[in-house]
Amino acid sequence: MIDLAHIHPMLVHFPLALLPVALASQAIALWRDDNLFGRSCVAQSAFWLYVLSALGAISAAIFGDMAFDIARESGVSTNLMEGHEELGMLSAWLLSGITVVFAFFYRKQVGSRPLAITFFIAGISVLALVLITAWHGGQLVYEHGVNVHTLR
């Protein structure tokens, strides 16, 4: 059976993979002068990639809390993990929030180019936060061995 602590690292790959593709779809839509919140194939792809990315981030945050508890119970210092946990929660909340805003504008089919560019820049900012969070998580695993079981 899969160790509960190992589900978190599996789930974090969804926002890490899907958010850059969503931003690439948005960049293509902006380059083609499509309505970012319209019903073109590229705009719809960006929207659904955001939704899937946010769901992945929320799931990763939930299982990250569980992995945090497992690591703490095994003797890992909470001080070591708290920064990553806070960044993870912030990433999940911001990505979810930007997705809700995207859904609002998508539903209304707002056609404002300055709004679309602002939204694209906000998405890049969230991606930067997600990548920083991932880097901290990698440090926990690869430098400190958090929730890594050695073979005997």
N, C-alpha and C. Protein backbone atom coordinates (compact mmCIF):
# COMPACT_ATOMS: atom_id res chain seq x y z
N MET A 1 0.84 -1.19 0.00
CA MET A 1 0.00 0.00 0.00
C MET A 1 0.89 1.25 0.00
N ILE A 2 0.43 2.28 -0.66
CA ILE A 2 1.19 3.53 -0.74
C ILE A 2 1.20 4.22 0.62
N ASP A 3 2.38 4.66 1.02
CA ASP A 3 2.53 5.42 2.24
C ASP A 3 1.82 6.76 2.06
N LEU A 4 1.00 7.14 3.03
CA LEU A 4 0.22 8.38 2.94
C LEU A 4 1.13 9.60 2.70
N ALA A 5 2.32 9.58 3.28
CA ALA A 5 3.25 10.71 3.10
C ALA A 5 3.74 10.84 1.67
N HIS A 6 3.63 9.78 0.88
CA HIS A 6 4.14 9.82 -0.50
C HIS A 6 3.10 10.30 -1.51
N ILE A 7 1.87 10.49 -1.08
CA ILE A 7 0.84 10.99 -1.99
C ILE A 7 1.08 12.47 -2.30
N HIS A 8 1.51 13.23 -1.30
CA HIS A 8 1.77 14.66 -1.51
C HIS A 8 2.76 14.92 -2.65
N PRO A 9 3.93 14.25 -2.68
CA PRO A 9 4.84 14.52 -3.79
C PRO A 9 4.29 14.11 -5.14
N MET A 10 3.37 13.16 -5.16
CA MET A 10 2.75 12.78 -6.43
C MET A 10 1.83 13.89 -6.93
N LEU A 11 1.07 14.47 -6.03
CA LEU A 11 0.07 15.47 -6.41
C LEU A 11 0.67 16.83 -6.78
N VAL A 12 1.82 17.16 -6.20
CA VAL A 12 2.39 18.48 -6.48
C VAL A 12 2.77 18.64 -7.94
N HIS A 13 2.91 17.55 -8.64
CA HIS A 13 3.30 17.64 -10.05
C HIS A 13 2.17 18.14 -10.94
N PHE A 14 0.93 18.05 -10.49
CA PHE A 14 -0.17 18.55 -11.32
C PHE A 14 -0.09 20.07 -11.52
N PRO A 15 -0.04 20.88 -10.44
CA PRO A 15 0.11 22.32 -10.71
C PRO A 15 1.45 22.68 -11.34
N LEU A 16 2.49 21.93 -11.00
CA LEU A 16 3.81 22.21 -11.60
C LEU A 16 3.82 21.99 -13.10
N ALA A 17 3.03 21.04 -13.57
CA ALA A 17 2.99 20.76 -15.01
C ALA A 17 1.89 21.54 -15.72
N LEU A 18 0.73 21.63 -15.10
CA LEU A 18 -0.43 22.21 -15.78
C LEU A 18 -0.43 23.74 -15.82
N LEU A 19 0.06 24.37 -14.76
CA LEU A 19 0.05 25.84 -14.75
C LEU A 19 0.93 26.44 -15.85
N PRO A 20 2.15 25.95 -16.07
CA PRO A 20 2.92 26.51 -17.20
C PRO A 20 2.25 26.29 -18.56
N VAL A 21 1.57 25.16 -18.72
CA VAL A 21 0.87 24.91 -19.99
C VAL A 21 -0.33 25.86 -20.11
N ALA A 22 -1.02 26.12 -19.00
CA ALA A 22 -2.12 27.09 -19.01
C ALA A 22 -1.60 28.47 -19.41
N LEU A 23 -0.46 28.85 -18.85
CA LEU A 23 0.12 30.15 -19.19
C LEU A 23 0.59 30.20 -20.64
N ALA A 24 1.10 29.09 -21.14
CA ALA A 24 1.48 29.03 -22.55
C ALA A 24 0.24 29.19 -23.43
N SER A 25 -0.87 28.57 -23.03
CA SER A 25 -2.12 28.72 -23.79
C SER A 25 -2.59 30.17 -23.76
N GLN A 26 -2.45 30.80 -22.61
CA GLN A 26 -2.83 32.21 -22.51
C GLN A 26 -1.93 33.07 -23.40
N ALA A 27 -0.65 32.78 -23.39
CA ALA A 27 0.29 33.55 -24.22
C ALA A 27 -0.08 33.41 -25.70
N ILE A 28 -0.43 32.21 -26.11
CA ILE A 28 -0.84 31.99 -27.51
C ILE A 28 -2.11 32.78 -27.81
N ALA A 29 -3.07 32.75 -26.88
CA ALA A 29 -4.31 33.50 -27.08
C ALA A 29 -4.03 35.00 -27.19
N LEU A 30 -3.16 35.50 -26.33
CA LEU A 30 -2.82 36.93 -26.39
C LEU A 30 -2.09 37.26 -27.69
N TRP A 31 -1.17 36.39 -28.10
CA TRP A 31 -0.42 36.60 -29.33
C TRP A 31 -1.34 36.61 -30.54
N ARG A 32 -2.33 35.71 -30.53
CA ARG A 32 -3.29 35.62 -31.65
C ARG A 32 -4.39 36.67 -31.56
N ASP A 33 -4.34 37.48 -30.50
CA ASP A 33 -5.34 38.52 -30.25
C ASP A 33 -6.73 37.91 -30.03
N ASP A 34 -6.78 36.69 -29.48
CA ASP A 34 -8.05 36.07 -29.10
C ASP A 34 -8.51 36.66 -27.77
N ASN A 35 -9.79 36.56 -27.52
CA ASN A 35 -10.33 36.94 -26.22
C ASN A 35 -9.91 35.86 -25.22
N LEU A 36 -9.10 36.22 -24.24
CA LEU A 36 -8.60 35.27 -23.26
C LEU A 36 -9.73 34.62 -22.48
N PHE A 37 -10.84 35.31 -22.35
CA PHE A 37 -11.98 34.79 -21.60
C PHE A 37 -13.11 34.35 -22.53
N GLY A 38 -12.78 34.19 -23.80
CA GLY A 38 -13.77 33.78 -24.79
C GLY A 38 -13.84 32.28 -24.95
N ARG A 39 -14.38 31.85 -26.08
CA ARG A 39 -14.63 30.42 -26.29
C ARG A 39 -13.75 29.81 -27.39
N SER A 40 -12.62 30.46 -27.70
CA SER A 40 -11.71 29.84 -28.64
C SER A 40 -11.11 28.60 -27.99
N CYS A 41 -10.60 27.72 -28.79
CA CYS A 41 -10.01 26.47 -28.28
C CYS A 41 -8.87 26.77 -27.31
N VAL A 42 -8.04 27.73 -27.66
CA VAL A 42 -6.88 28.06 -26.82
C VAL A 42 -7.34 28.66 -25.49
N ALA A 43 -8.30 29.56 -25.52
CA ALA A 43 -8.81 30.18 -24.30
C ALA A 43 -9.48 29.14 -23.40
N GLN A 44 -10.25 28.25 -24.00
CA GLN A 44 -10.90 27.19 -23.21
C GLN A 44 -9.86 26.26 -22.60
N SER A 45 -8.82 25.95 -23.36
CA SER A 45 -7.75 25.10 -22.83
C SER A 45 -7.11 25.76 -21.62
N ALA A 46 -6.81 27.04 -21.73
CA ALA A 46 -6.20 27.76 -20.61
C ALA A 46 -7.10 27.71 -19.38
N PHE A 47 -8.39 27.92 -19.58
CA PHE A 47 -9.33 27.90 -18.45
C PHE A 47 -9.33 26.54 -17.76
N TRP A 48 -9.49 25.48 -18.52
CA TRP A 48 -9.59 24.14 -17.92
C TRP A 48 -8.26 23.70 -17.33
N LEU A 49 -7.15 24.15 -17.89
CA LEU A 49 -5.85 23.84 -17.30
C LEU A 49 -5.69 24.55 -15.95
N TYR A 50 -6.21 25.75 -15.86
CA TYR A 50 -6.20 26.45 -14.57
C TYR A 50 -7.04 25.70 -13.54
N VAL A 51 -8.22 25.24 -13.95
CA VAL A 51 -9.09 24.51 -13.03
C VAL A 51 -8.39 23.25 -12.53
N LEU A 52 -7.82 22.48 -13.43
CA LEU A 52 -7.13 21.25 -13.03
C LEU A 52 -5.91 21.54 -12.17
N SER A 53 -5.20 22.60 -12.50
CA SER A 53 -4.04 22.99 -11.72
C SER A 53 -4.44 23.38 -10.30
N ALA A 54 -5.51 24.15 -10.16
CA ALA A 54 -5.98 24.55 -8.83
C ALA A 54 -6.45 23.35 -8.02
N LEU A 55 -7.16 22.43 -8.67
CA LEU A 55 -7.59 21.22 -7.96
C LEU A 55 -6.39 20.40 -7.50
N GLY A 56 -5.36 20.33 -8.34
CA GLY A 56 -4.14 19.64 -7.95
C GLY A 56 -3.45 20.32 -6.79
N ALA A 57 -3.43 21.64 -6.79
CA ALA A 57 -2.78 22.39 -5.71
C ALA A 57 -3.53 22.22 -4.39
N ILE A 58 -4.86 22.23 -4.46
CA ILE A 58 -5.65 22.03 -3.24
C ILE A 58 -5.42 20.62 -2.69
N SER A 59 -5.44 19.63 -3.58
CA SER A 59 -5.18 18.25 -3.15
C SER A 59 -3.78 18.10 -2.57
N ALA A 60 -2.80 18.72 -3.21
CA ALA A 60 -1.42 18.66 -2.71
C ALA A 60 -1.31 19.31 -1.33
N ALA A 61 -2.02 20.41 -1.13
CA ALA A 61 -1.99 21.09 0.18
C ALA A 61 -2.61 20.22 1.26
N ILE A 62 -3.72 19.57 0.95
CA ILE A 62 -4.38 18.69 1.93
C ILE A 62 -3.46 17.53 2.30
N PHE A 63 -2.90 16.87 1.30
CA PHE A 63 -2.01 15.75 1.59
C PHE A 63 -0.66 16.24 2.14
N GLY A 64 -0.29 17.48 1.84
CA GLY A 64 0.91 18.06 2.43
C GLY A 64 0.76 18.23 3.93
N ASP A 65 -0.44 18.62 4.38
CA ASP A 65 -0.70 18.71 5.82
C ASP A 65 -0.53 17.34 6.48
N MET A 66 -1.04 16.31 5.80
CA MET A 66 -0.90 14.96 6.33
C MET A 66 0.57 14.54 6.37
N ALA A 67 1.32 14.85 5.31
CA ALA A 67 2.74 14.51 5.27
C ALA A 67 3.51 15.28 6.34
N PHE A 68 3.11 16.52 6.61
CA PHE A 68 3.72 17.33 7.67
C PHE A 68 3.56 16.63 9.01
N ASP A 69 2.34 16.17 9.30
CA ASP A 69 2.08 15.48 10.57
C ASP A 69 2.89 14.19 10.69
N ILE A 70 2.98 13.45 9.59
CA ILE A 70 3.75 12.20 9.60
C ILE A 70 5.23 12.50 9.85
N ALA A 71 5.75 13.53 9.21
CA ALA A 71 7.16 13.89 9.40
C ALA A 71 7.41 14.36 10.82
N ARG A 72 6.50 15.15 11.35
CA ARG A 72 6.65 15.64 12.73
C ARG A 72 6.65 14.47 13.72
N GLU A 73 5.75 13.50 13.49
CA GLU A 73 5.68 12.33 14.37
C GLU A 73 6.94 11.48 14.28
N SER A 74 7.63 11.53 13.14
CA SER A 74 8.85 10.75 12.99
C SER A 74 10.09 11.51 13.48
N GLY A 75 9.89 12.70 14.04
CA GLY A 75 10.98 13.43 14.66
C GLY A 75 11.56 14.59 13.87
N VAL A 76 10.99 14.92 12.73
CA VAL A 76 11.49 16.05 11.94
C VAL A 76 11.03 17.35 12.60
N SER A 77 11.94 18.30 12.68
CA SER A 77 11.64 19.60 13.29
C SER A 77 10.57 20.34 12.49
N THR A 78 9.58 20.85 13.20
CA THR A 78 8.53 21.61 12.51
C THR A 78 9.09 22.91 11.93
N ASN A 79 10.12 23.46 12.58
CA ASN A 79 10.74 24.69 12.06
C ASN A 79 11.30 24.48 10.67
N LEU A 80 11.80 23.28 10.42
CA LEU A 80 12.37 22.95 9.12
C LEU A 80 11.30 22.95 8.03
N MET A 81 10.08 22.55 8.39
CA MET A 81 9.02 22.34 7.39
C MET A 81 8.02 23.48 7.28
N GLU A 82 7.96 24.35 8.28
CA GLU A 82 6.91 25.37 8.31
C GLU A 82 6.94 26.32 7.13
N GLY A 83 8.11 26.72 6.68
CA GLY A 83 8.21 27.63 5.54
C GLY A 83 7.59 27.03 4.29
N HIS A 84 7.90 25.76 4.05
CA HIS A 84 7.34 25.08 2.88
C HIS A 84 5.83 24.95 3.02
N GLU A 85 5.37 24.62 4.21
CA GLU A 85 3.93 24.48 4.42
C GLU A 85 3.21 25.81 4.17
N GLU A 86 3.76 26.89 4.69
CA GLU A 86 3.13 28.20 4.49
C GLU A 86 3.13 28.61 3.02
N LEU A 87 4.24 28.38 2.34
CA LEU A 87 4.30 28.68 0.91
C LEU A 87 3.31 27.82 0.12
N GLY A 88 3.20 26.55 0.51
CA GLY A 88 2.26 25.64 -0.16
C GLY A 88 0.82 26.08 0.00
N MET A 89 0.46 26.45 1.21
CA MET A 89 -0.91 26.93 1.44
C MET A 89 -1.18 28.23 0.68
N LEU A 90 -0.21 29.13 0.71
CA LEU A 90 -0.36 30.39 -0.03
C LEU A 90 -0.49 30.12 -1.53
N SER A 91 0.33 29.22 -2.04
CA SER A 91 0.25 28.86 -3.46
C SER A 91 -1.11 28.30 -3.82
N ALA A 92 -1.60 27.38 -3.00
CA ALA A 92 -2.91 26.76 -3.26
C ALA A 92 -4.03 27.80 -3.21
N TRP A 93 -3.99 28.68 -2.22
CA TRP A 93 -5.03 29.71 -2.10
C TRP A 93 -4.98 30.70 -3.27
N LEU A 94 -3.78 31.17 -3.61
CA LEU A 94 -3.67 32.13 -4.71
C LEU A 94 -4.05 31.51 -6.05
N LEU A 95 -3.61 30.29 -6.29
CA LEU A 95 -3.96 29.62 -7.54
C LEU A 95 -5.47 29.38 -7.61
N SER A 96 -6.05 29.00 -6.50
CA SER A 96 -7.51 28.80 -6.47
C SER A 96 -8.24 30.13 -6.68
N GLY A 97 -7.73 31.17 -6.04
CA GLY A 97 -8.36 32.49 -6.19
C GLY A 97 -8.30 33.00 -7.61
N ILE A 98 -7.14 32.87 -8.24
CA ILE A 98 -7.00 33.34 -9.62
C ILE A 98 -7.87 32.50 -10.55
N THR A 99 -8.06 31.23 -10.22
CA THR A 99 -8.93 30.37 -11.02
C THR A 99 -10.39 30.79 -10.89
N VAL A 100 -10.80 31.16 -9.69
CA VAL A 100 -12.17 31.64 -9.48
C VAL A 100 -12.39 32.94 -10.26
N VAL A 101 -11.41 33.83 -10.23
CA VAL A 101 -11.52 35.08 -11.00
C VAL A 101 -11.58 34.77 -12.49
N PHE A 102 -10.74 33.84 -12.94
CA PHE A 102 -10.75 33.42 -14.34
C PHE A 102 -12.14 32.88 -14.70
N ALA A 103 -12.72 32.06 -13.83
CA ALA A 103 -14.04 31.48 -14.09
C ALA A 103 -15.10 32.58 -14.21
N PHE A 104 -14.99 33.60 -13.37
CA PHE A 104 -15.95 34.70 -13.43
C PHE A 104 -15.87 35.41 -14.79
N PHE A 105 -14.65 35.78 -15.19
CA PHE A 105 -14.49 36.48 -16.47
C PHE A 105 -14.80 35.56 -17.65
N TYR A 106 -14.47 34.29 -17.51
CA TYR A 106 -14.75 33.31 -18.57
C TYR A 106 -16.25 33.16 -18.75
N ARG A 107 -16.98 33.09 -17.64
CA ARG A 107 -18.44 32.95 -17.72
C ARG A 107 -19.07 34.18 -18.37
N LYS A 108 -18.54 35.35 -18.05
CA LYS A 108 -19.08 36.61 -18.60
C LYS A 108 -18.53 36.91 -19.99
N GLN A 109 -17.50 36.16 -20.44
CA GLN A 109 -16.83 36.36 -21.72
C GLN A 109 -16.36 37.81 -21.89
N VAL A 110 -15.72 38.30 -20.83
CA VAL A 110 -15.17 39.65 -20.84
C VAL A 110 -14.10 39.73 -21.92
N GLY A 111 -14.08 40.81 -22.69
CA GLY A 111 -13.16 40.93 -23.82
C GLY A 111 -12.10 41.99 -23.66
N SER A 112 -11.76 42.36 -22.45
CA SER A 112 -10.79 43.43 -22.22
C SER A 112 -9.35 42.92 -22.34
N ARG A 113 -8.61 43.47 -23.31
CA ARG A 113 -7.21 43.07 -23.49
C ARG A 113 -6.34 43.49 -22.31
N PRO A 114 -6.45 44.72 -21.77
CA PRO A 114 -5.64 45.07 -20.59
C PRO A 114 -5.91 44.13 -19.40
N LEU A 115 -7.16 43.74 -19.22
CA LEU A 115 -7.49 42.80 -18.15
C LEU A 115 -6.85 41.44 -18.41
N ALA A 116 -6.86 41.00 -19.66
CA ALA A 116 -6.25 39.72 -20.02
C ALA A 116 -4.75 39.74 -19.77
N ILE A 117 -4.09 40.84 -20.11
CA ILE A 117 -2.65 40.96 -19.89
C ILE A 117 -2.35 40.98 -18.38
N THR A 118 -3.15 41.72 -17.63
CA THR A 118 -3.00 41.75 -16.17
C THR A 118 -3.17 40.36 -15.58
N PHE A 119 -4.16 39.65 -16.07
CA PHE A 119 -4.42 38.29 -15.59
C PHE A 119 -3.25 37.37 -15.92
N PHE A 120 -2.71 37.51 -17.10
CA PHE A 120 -1.55 36.71 -17.52
C PHE A 120 -0.35 36.97 -16.61
N ILE A 121 -0.09 38.22 -16.30
CA ILE A 121 1.02 38.59 -15.41
C ILE A 121 0.78 38.04 -14.01
N ALA A 122 -0.46 38.09 -13.54
CA ALA A 122 -0.79 37.51 -12.23
C ALA A 122 -0.53 36.00 -12.24
N GLY A 123 -0.86 35.35 -13.33
CA GLY A 123 -0.60 33.92 -13.45
C GLY A 123 0.88 33.60 -13.40
N ILE A 124 1.70 34.43 -14.04
CA ILE A 124 3.15 34.23 -14.00
C ILE A 124 3.66 34.40 -12.56
N SER A 125 3.09 35.36 -11.85
CA SER A 125 3.48 35.56 -10.45
C SER A 125 3.13 34.35 -9.59
N VAL A 126 1.95 33.79 -9.81
CA VAL A 126 1.56 32.59 -9.06
C VAL A 126 2.48 31.43 -9.43
N LEU A 127 2.84 31.30 -10.70
CA LEU A 127 3.76 30.25 -11.11
C LEU A 127 5.10 30.41 -10.40
N ALA A 128 5.58 31.63 -10.28
CA ALA A 128 6.85 31.87 -9.57
C ALA A 128 6.74 31.39 -8.13
N LEU A 129 5.62 31.68 -7.48
CA LEU A 129 5.41 31.23 -6.11
C LEU A 129 5.35 29.70 -6.03
N VAL A 130 4.67 29.08 -6.97
CA VAL A 130 4.58 27.61 -7.01
C VAL A 130 5.98 27.01 -7.18
N LEU A 131 6.79 27.59 -8.03
CA LEU A 131 8.15 27.07 -8.26
C LEU A 131 9.04 27.26 -7.03
N ILE A 132 8.90 28.38 -6.35
CA ILE A 132 9.66 28.60 -5.10
C ILE A 132 9.24 27.57 -4.05
N THR A 133 7.94 27.34 -3.96
CA THR A 133 7.42 26.34 -3.03
C THR A 133 7.98 24.96 -3.36
N ALA A 134 8.01 24.61 -4.63
CA ALA A 134 8.54 23.32 -5.06
C ALA A 134 10.02 23.20 -4.73
N TRP A 135 10.76 24.27 -4.91
CA TRP A 135 12.19 24.25 -4.59
C TRP A 135 12.39 23.95 -3.10
N HIS A 136 11.60 24.61 -2.25
CA HIS A 136 11.70 24.36 -0.80
C HIS A 136 11.33 22.92 -0.47
N GLY A 137 10.32 22.38 -1.13
CA GLY A 137 9.95 20.98 -0.92
C GLY A 137 11.07 20.04 -1.34
N GLY A 138 11.70 20.35 -2.45
CA GLY A 138 12.84 19.54 -2.90
C GLY A 138 13.98 19.58 -1.89
N GLN A 139 14.21 20.74 -1.30
CA GLN A 139 15.25 20.85 -0.26
C GLN A 139 14.92 19.94 0.92
N LEU A 140 13.66 19.91 1.32
CA LEU A 140 13.26 19.06 2.44
C LEU A 140 13.54 17.59 2.15
N VAL A 141 13.25 17.16 0.93
CA VAL A 141 13.42 15.76 0.57
C VAL A 141 14.89 15.42 0.31
N TYR A 142 15.53 16.19 -0.56
CA TYR A 142 16.86 15.81 -1.04
C TYR A 142 17.99 16.21 -0.11
N GLU A 143 17.81 17.24 0.70
CA GLU A 143 18.86 17.63 1.63
C GLU A 143 18.63 17.10 3.04
N HIS A 144 17.35 16.99 3.42
CA HIS A 144 17.04 16.60 4.79
C HIS A 144 16.38 15.23 4.91
N GLY A 145 15.99 14.64 3.79
CA GLY A 145 15.41 13.31 3.81
C GLY A 145 14.04 13.22 4.46
N VAL A 146 13.28 14.32 4.44
CA VAL A 146 11.97 14.33 5.09
C VAL A 146 11.02 13.35 4.38
N ASN A 147 10.44 12.45 5.16
CA ASN A 147 9.49 11.43 4.71
C ASN A 147 10.07 10.51 3.63
N VAL A 148 11.37 10.33 3.66
CA VAL A 148 12.02 9.40 2.75
C VAL A 148 12.41 8.18 3.57
N HIS A 149 11.99 7.02 3.12
CA HIS A 149 12.30 5.79 3.83
C HIS A 149 13.46 5.11 3.11
N THR A 150 14.46 4.74 3.86
CA THR A 150 15.59 4.06 3.25
C THR A 150 15.31 2.56 3.17
N LEU A 151 15.86 1.93 2.16
CA LEU A 151 15.73 0.48 2.01
C LEU A 151 16.74 -0.19 2.92
N ARG A 152 16.35 -1.26 3.54
CA ARG A 152 17.28 -1.97 4.43
C ARG A 152 17.52 -3.35 3.93
